[in-house]
């Protein structure tokens, strides 16, 4: 039987010891939030996920570019 601490096995964030996007999980501070409905772009605000921002033109939730 394998112990829970077996190196190289599936980790909490995916397979391997370094799975996932890192400890913070974000894409960095730059970029834009884009509306999938009308294409409006707004600058991404660090610390605010784009999917919590609504489009200023049509009110649809935005996505990260």
PDB file of N, CA and C in Angstrom:
ATOM      1  N   UNK A   1       0.843  -1.180   0.000  1.00  0.00           N
ATOM      2  CA  UNK A   1       0.000   0.000   0.000  1.00  0.00           C
ATOM      3  C   UNK A   1       0.893   1.250   0.000  1.00  0.00           C
ATOM      4  N   UNK A   2       0.535   2.262  -0.794  1.00  0.00           N
ATOM      5  CA  UNK A   2       1.325   3.484  -0.889  1.00  0.00           C
ATOM      6  C   UNK A   2       0.887   4.478   0.171  1.00  0.00           C
ATOM      7  N   UNK A   3       1.851   5.238   0.668  1.00  0.00           N
ATOM      8  CA  UNK A   3       1.510   6.272   1.640  1.00  0.00           C
ATOM      9  C   UNK A   3       1.027   7.512   0.892  1.00  0.00           C
ATOM     10  N   UNK A   4       0.374   8.409   1.610  1.00  0.00           N
ATOM     11  CA  UNK A   4      -0.145   9.631   1.000  1.00  0.00           C
ATOM     12  C   UNK A   4       0.950  10.563   0.515  1.00  0.00           C
ATOM     13  N   UNK A   5       2.158  10.427   1.054  1.00  0.00           N
ATOM     14  CA  UNK A   5       3.247  11.323   0.697  1.00  0.00           C
ATOM     15  C   UNK A   5       4.131  10.796  -0.415  1.00  0.00           C
ATOM     16  N   UNK A   6       3.641   9.906  -1.263  1.00  0.00           N
ATOM     17  CA  UNK A   6       4.452   9.343  -2.334  1.00  0.00           C
ATOM     18  C   UNK A   6       4.806  10.425  -3.346  1.00  0.00           C
ATOM     19  N   UNK A   7       6.120  10.688  -3.580  1.00  0.00           N
ATOM     20  CA  UNK A   7       6.487  11.720  -4.544  1.00  0.00           C
ATOM     21  C   UNK A   7       6.129  11.308  -5.973  1.00  0.00           C
ATOM     22  N   UNK A   8       5.721  12.283  -6.782  1.00  0.00           N
ATOM     23  CA  UNK A   8       5.423  12.042  -8.182  1.00  0.00           C
ATOM     24  C   UNK A   8       4.012  11.548  -8.444  1.00  0.00           C
ATOM     25  N   UNK A   9       3.254  11.351  -7.426  1.00  0.00           N
ATOM     26  CA  UNK A   9       1.877  10.887  -7.603  1.00  0.00           C
ATOM     27  C   UNK A   9       0.934  12.045  -7.843  1.00  0.00           C
ATOM     28  N   UNK A  10      -0.355  11.750  -7.987  1.00  0.00           N
ATOM     29  CA  UNK A  10      -1.321  12.833  -8.191  1.00  0.00           C
ATOM     30  C   UNK A  10      -1.338  13.779  -7.000  1.00  0.00           C
ATOM     31  N   UNK A  11      -1.181  15.044  -7.262  1.00  0.00           N
ATOM     32  CA  UNK A  11      -1.200  16.052  -6.205  1.00  0.00           C
ATOM     33  C   UNK A  11      -2.592  16.633  -6.037  1.00  0.00           C
ATOM     34  N   UNK A  12      -2.754  17.573  -5.134  1.00  0.00           N
ATOM     35  CA  UNK A  12      -4.072  18.158  -4.897  1.00  0.00           C
ATOM     36  C   UNK A  12      -4.580  18.991  -6.063  1.00  0.00           C
ATOM     37  N   UNK A  13      -3.672  19.409  -6.946  1.00  0.00           N
ATOM     38  CA  UNK A  13      -4.074  20.238  -8.086  1.00  0.00           C
ATOM     39  C   UNK A  13      -3.848  19.557  -9.423  1.00  0.00           C
ATOM     40  N   UNK A  14      -3.739  18.243  -9.445  1.00  0.00           N
ATOM     41  CA  UNK A  14      -3.550  17.536 -10.698  1.00  0.00           C
ATOM     42  C   UNK A  14      -2.409  16.554 -10.605  1.00  0.00           C
ATOM     43  N   UNK A  15      -2.140  15.833 -11.689  1.00  0.00           N
ATOM     44  CA  UNK A  15      -1.093  14.817 -11.659  1.00  0.00           C
ATOM     45  C   UNK A  15       0.297  15.433 -11.526  1.00  0.00           C
ATOM     46  N   UNK A  16       1.167  14.704 -10.852  1.00  0.00           N
ATOM     47  CA  UNK A  16       2.541  15.163 -10.697  1.00  0.00           C
ATOM     48  C   UNK A  16       2.701  16.099  -9.524  1.00  0.00           C
ATOM     49  N   UNK A  17       3.940  16.349  -9.135  1.00  0.00           N
ATOM     50  CA  UNK A  17       4.192  17.180  -7.960  1.00  0.00           C
ATOM     51  C   UNK A  17       3.936  18.660  -8.186  1.00  0.00           C
ATOM     52  N   UNK A  18       3.840  19.109  -9.432  1.00  0.00           N
ATOM     53  CA  UNK A  18       3.646  20.534  -9.697  1.00  0.00           C
ATOM     54  C   UNK A  18       2.411  20.799 -10.550  1.00  0.00           C
ATOM     55  N   UNK A  19       1.351  20.050 -10.350  1.00  0.00           N
ATOM     56  CA  UNK A  19       0.129  20.224 -11.134  1.00  0.00           C
ATOM     57  C   UNK A  19      -0.569  21.531 -10.810  1.00  0.00           C
ATOM     58  N   UNK A  20      -1.411  22.000 -11.682  1.00  0.00           N
ATOM     59  CA  UNK A  20      -2.180  23.224 -11.451  1.00  0.00           C
ATOM     60  C   UNK A  20      -1.448  24.448 -11.960  1.00  0.00           C
ATOM     61  N   UNK A  21      -1.966  25.633 -11.604  1.00  0.00           N
ATOM     62  CA  UNK A  21      -1.411  26.893 -12.072  1.00  0.00           C
ATOM     63  C   UNK A  21      -0.563  27.597 -11.033  1.00  0.00           C
ATOM     64  N   UNK A  22      -0.212  26.921  -9.963  1.00  0.00           N
ATOM     65  CA  UNK A  22       0.617  27.541  -8.940  1.00  0.00           C
ATOM     66  C   UNK A  22      -0.206  27.879  -7.713  1.00  0.00           C
ATOM     67  N   UNK A  23       0.454  28.432  -6.713  1.00  0.00           N
ATOM     68  CA  UNK A  23      -0.225  28.663  -5.447  1.00  0.00           C
ATOM     69  C   UNK A  23      -1.322  29.717  -5.517  1.00  0.00           C
ATOM     70  N   UNK A  24      -1.218  30.699  -6.417  1.00  0.00           N
ATOM     71  CA  UNK A  24      -2.239  31.747  -6.493  1.00  0.00           C
ATOM     72  C   UNK A  24      -3.281  31.451  -7.554  1.00  0.00           C
ATOM     73  N   UNK A  25      -2.947  30.682  -8.579  1.00  0.00           N
ATOM     74  CA  UNK A  25      -3.927  30.246  -9.555  1.00  0.00           C
ATOM     75  C   UNK A  25      -4.365  31.281 -10.569  1.00  0.00           C
ATOM     76  N   UNK A  26      -3.799  32.491 -10.571  1.00  0.00           N
ATOM     77  CA  UNK A  26      -4.229  33.529 -11.495  1.00  0.00           C
ATOM     78  C   UNK A  26      -3.375  33.614 -12.735  1.00  0.00           C
ATOM     79  N   UNK A  27      -3.694  34.574 -13.593  1.00  0.00           N
ATOM     80  CA  UNK A  27      -2.956  34.764 -14.842  1.00  0.00           C
ATOM     81  C   UNK A  27      -2.061  35.984 -14.816  1.00  0.00           C
ATOM     82  N   UNK A  28      -1.943  36.644 -13.703  1.00  0.00           N
ATOM     83  CA  UNK A  28      -1.100  37.822 -13.615  1.00  0.00           C
ATOM     84  C   UNK A  28      -1.918  39.094 -13.612  1.00  0.00           C
ATOM     85  N   UNK A  29      -1.263  40.229 -13.387  1.00  0.00           N
ATOM     86  CA  UNK A  29      -1.987  41.478 -13.211  1.00  0.00           C
ATOM     87  C   UNK A  29      -2.461  42.162 -14.488  1.00  0.00           C
ATOM     88  N   UNK A  30      -1.821  41.897 -15.629  1.00  0.00           N
ATOM     89  CA  UNK A  30      -2.165  42.614 -16.853  1.00  0.00           C
ATOM     90  C   UNK A  30      -3.329  41.996 -17.592  1.00  0.00           C
ATOM     91  N   UNK A  31      -3.586  42.481 -18.786  1.00  0.00           N
ATOM     92  CA  UNK A  31      -4.612  41.906 -19.635  1.00  0.00           C
ATOM     93  C   UNK A  31      -5.933  42.642 -19.572  1.00  0.00           C
ATOM     94  N   UNK A  32      -6.932  42.030 -20.178  1.00  0.00           N
ATOM     95  CA  UNK A  32      -8.253  42.638 -20.278  1.00  0.00           C
ATOM     96  C   UNK A  32      -9.336  41.643 -19.908  1.00  0.00           C
ATOM     97  N   UNK A  33     -10.464  42.187 -19.491  1.00  0.00           N
ATOM     98  CA  UNK A  33     -11.685  41.411 -19.349  1.00  0.00           C
ATOM     99  C   UNK A  33     -12.510  41.728 -20.601  1.00  0.00           C
ATOM    100  N   UNK A  34     -13.051  40.677 -21.227  1.00  0.00           N
ATOM    101  CA  UNK A  34     -13.759  40.837 -22.494  1.00  0.00           C
ATOM    102  C   UNK A  34     -15.177  40.301 -22.357  1.00  0.00           C
ATOM    103  N   UNK A  35     -16.134  41.005 -22.937  1.00  0.00           N
ATOM    104  CA  UNK A  35     -17.522  40.559 -22.929  1.00  0.00           C
ATOM    105  C   UNK A  35     -17.720  39.546 -24.060  1.00  0.00           C
ATOM    106  N   UNK A  36     -18.179  38.323 -23.744  1.00  0.00           N
ATOM    107  CA  UNK A  36     -18.390  37.333 -24.789  1.00  0.00           C
ATOM    108  C   UNK A  36     -19.598  37.641 -25.674  1.00  0.00           C
ATOM    109  N   UNK A  37     -20.479  38.510 -25.213  1.00  0.00           N
ATOM    110  CA  UNK A  37     -21.682  38.834 -25.979  1.00  0.00           C
ATOM    111  C   UNK A  37     -21.465  39.965 -26.987  1.00  0.00           C
ATOM    112  N   UNK A  38     -20.833  41.072 -26.542  1.00  0.00           N
ATOM    113  CA  UNK A  38     -20.699  42.226 -27.436  1.00  0.00           C
ATOM    114  C   UNK A  38     -19.256  42.595 -27.764  1.00  0.00           C
ATOM    115  N   UNK A  39     -18.264  41.964 -27.094  1.00  0.00           N
ATOM    116  CA  UNK A  39     -16.866  42.200 -27.416  1.00  0.00           C
ATOM    117  C   UNK A  39     -16.220  43.386 -26.728  1.00  0.00           C
ATOM    118  N   UNK A  40     -16.917  44.045 -25.819  1.00  0.00           N
ATOM    119  CA  UNK A  40     -16.343  45.175 -25.093  1.00  0.00           C
ATOM    120  C   UNK A  40     -15.160  44.711 -24.252  1.00  0.00           C
ATOM    121  N   UNK A  41     -14.069  45.500 -24.250  1.00  0.00           N
ATOM    122  CA  UNK A  41     -12.881  45.184 -23.461  1.00  0.00           C
ATOM    123  C   UNK A  41     -12.709  46.243 -22.382  1.00  0.00           C
ATOM    124  N   UNK A  42     -12.371  45.798 -21.173  1.00  0.00           N
ATOM    125  CA  UNK A  42     -12.003  46.708 -20.095  1.00  0.00           C
ATOM    126  C   UNK A  42     -10.711  46.187 -19.479  1.00  0.00           C
ATOM    127  N   UNK A  43      -9.837  47.063 -18.993  1.00  0.00           N
ATOM    128  CA  UNK A  43      -8.590  46.603 -18.376  1.00  0.00           C
ATOM    129  C   UNK A  43      -8.885  45.742 -17.150  1.00  0.00           C
ATOM    130  N   UNK A  44      -8.109  44.660 -16.997  1.00  0.00           N
ATOM    131  CA  UNK A  44      -8.277  43.789 -15.842  1.00  0.00           C
ATOM    132  C   UNK A  44      -7.765  44.484 -14.595  1.00  0.00           C
ATOM    133  N   UNK A  45      -8.538  44.406 -13.514  1.00  0.00           N
ATOM    134  CA  UNK A  45      -8.141  44.964 -12.228  1.00  0.00           C
ATOM    135  C   UNK A  45      -7.517  43.848 -11.395  1.00  0.00           C
ATOM    136  N   UNK A  46      -6.242  43.995 -10.975  1.00  0.00           N
ATOM    137  CA  UNK A  46      -5.613  42.949 -10.161  1.00  0.00           C
ATOM    138  C   UNK A  46      -6.435  42.641  -8.908  1.00  0.00           C
ATOM    139  N   UNK A  47      -6.623  41.355  -8.648  1.00  0.00           N
ATOM    140  CA  UNK A  47      -7.373  40.924  -7.479  1.00  0.00           C
ATOM    141  C   UNK A  47      -8.864  40.778  -7.708  1.00  0.00           C
ATOM    142  N   UNK A  48      -9.353  41.177  -8.894  1.00  0.00           N
ATOM    143  CA  UNK A  48     -10.776  41.071  -9.207  1.00  0.00           C
ATOM    144  C   UNK A  48     -10.946  40.114 -10.386  1.00  0.00           C
ATOM    145  N   UNK A  49     -11.505  38.918 -10.177  1.00  0.00           N
ATOM    146  CA  UNK A  49     -11.697  37.985 -11.288  1.00  0.00           C
ATOM    147  C   UNK A  49     -12.648  38.570 -12.338  1.00  0.00           C
ATOM    148  N   UNK A  50     -12.307  38.383 -13.611  1.00  0.00           N
ATOM    149  CA  UNK A  50     -13.146  38.927 -14.679  1.00  0.00           C
ATOM    150  C   UNK A  50     -14.575  38.385 -14.645  1.00  0.00           C
ATOM    151  N   UNK A  51     -14.752  37.145 -14.184  1.00  0.00           N
ATOM    152  CA  UNK A  51     -16.105  36.592 -14.182  1.00  0.00           C
ATOM    153  C   UNK A  51     -16.994  37.201 -13.099  1.00  0.00           C
ATOM    154  N   UNK A  52     -16.447  38.122 -12.291  1.00  0.00           N
ATOM    155  CA  UNK A  52     -17.279  38.853 -11.328  1.00  0.00           C
ATOM    156  C   UNK A  52     -17.601  40.262 -11.827  1.00  0.00           C
ATOM    157  N   UNK A  53     -17.040  40.630 -12.985  1.00  0.00           N
ATOM    158  CA  UNK A  53     -17.246  41.951 -13.567  1.00  0.00           C
ATOM    159  C   UNK A  53     -18.342  41.864 -14.622  1.00  0.00           C
ATOM    160  N   UNK A  54     -19.270  42.814 -14.616  1.00  0.00           N
ATOM    161  CA  UNK A  54     -20.311  42.829 -15.648  1.00  0.00           C
ATOM    162  C   UNK A  54     -19.958  43.864 -16.711  1.00  0.00           C
ATOM    163  N   UNK A  55     -20.343  43.567 -17.933  1.00  0.00           N
ATOM    164  CA  UNK A  55     -20.065  44.445 -19.069  1.00  0.00           C
ATOM    165  C   UNK A  55     -20.783  45.785 -18.882  1.00  0.00           C
ATOM    166  N   UNK A  56     -20.051  46.892 -19.066  1.00  0.00           N
ATOM    167  CA  UNK A  56     -20.683  48.201 -18.910  1.00  0.00           C
ATOM    168  C   UNK A  56     -21.715  48.514 -20.001  1.00  0.00           C
ATOM    169  N   UNK A  57     -21.662  47.807 -21.133  1.00  0.00           N
ATOM    170  CA  UNK A  57     -22.612  48.070 -22.225  1.00  0.00           C
ATOM    171  C   UNK A  57     -23.857  47.196 -22.169  1.00  0.00           C
ATOM    172  N   UNK A  58     -23.671  45.863 -21.900  1.00  0.00           N
ATOM    173  CA  UNK A  58     -24.837  44.972 -21.987  1.00  0.00           C
ATOM    174  C   UNK A  58     -25.140  44.197 -20.707  1.00  0.00           C
ATOM    175  N   UNK A  59     -24.246  44.248 -19.706  1.00  0.00           N
ATOM    176  CA  UNK A  59     -24.510  43.608 -18.431  1.00  0.00           C
ATOM    177  C   UNK A  59     -24.142  42.131 -18.327  1.00  0.00           C
ATOM    178  N   UNK A  60     -23.555  41.548 -19.382  1.00  0.00           N
ATOM    179  CA  UNK A  60     -23.129  40.153 -19.371  1.00  0.00           C
ATOM    180  C   UNK A  60     -21.851  40.019 -18.543  1.00  0.00           C
ATOM    181  N   UNK A  61     -21.684  38.883 -17.859  1.00  0.00           N
ATOM    182  CA  UNK A  61     -20.437  38.648 -17.126  1.00  0.00           C
ATOM    183  C   UNK A  61     -19.290  38.511 -18.109  1.00  0.00           C
ATOM    184  N   UNK A  62     -18.164  39.112 -17.749  1.00  0.00           N
ATOM    185  CA  UNK A  62     -17.013  39.136 -18.645  1.00  0.00           C
ATOM    186  C   UNK A  62     -16.101  37.927 -18.414  1.00  0.00           C
ATOM    187  N   UNK A  63     -15.191  37.694 -19.364  1.00  0.00           N
ATOM    188  CA  UNK A  63     -14.227  36.605 -19.283  1.00  0.00           C
ATOM    189  C   UNK A  63     -12.831  37.190 -19.480  1.00  0.00           C
ATOM    190  N   UNK A  64     -11.809  36.481 -19.021  1.00  0.00           N
ATOM    191  CA  UNK A  64     -10.433  36.947 -19.154  1.00  0.00           C
ATOM    192  C   UNK A  64      -9.926  36.706 -20.567  1.00  0.00           C
ATOM    193  N   UNK A  65      -9.257  37.692 -21.123  1.00  0.00           N
ATOM    194  CA  UNK A  65      -8.687  37.570 -22.473  1.00  0.00           C
ATOM    195  C   UNK A  65      -7.440  36.758 -22.428  1.00  0.00           C
TER     196      UNK A  65
END
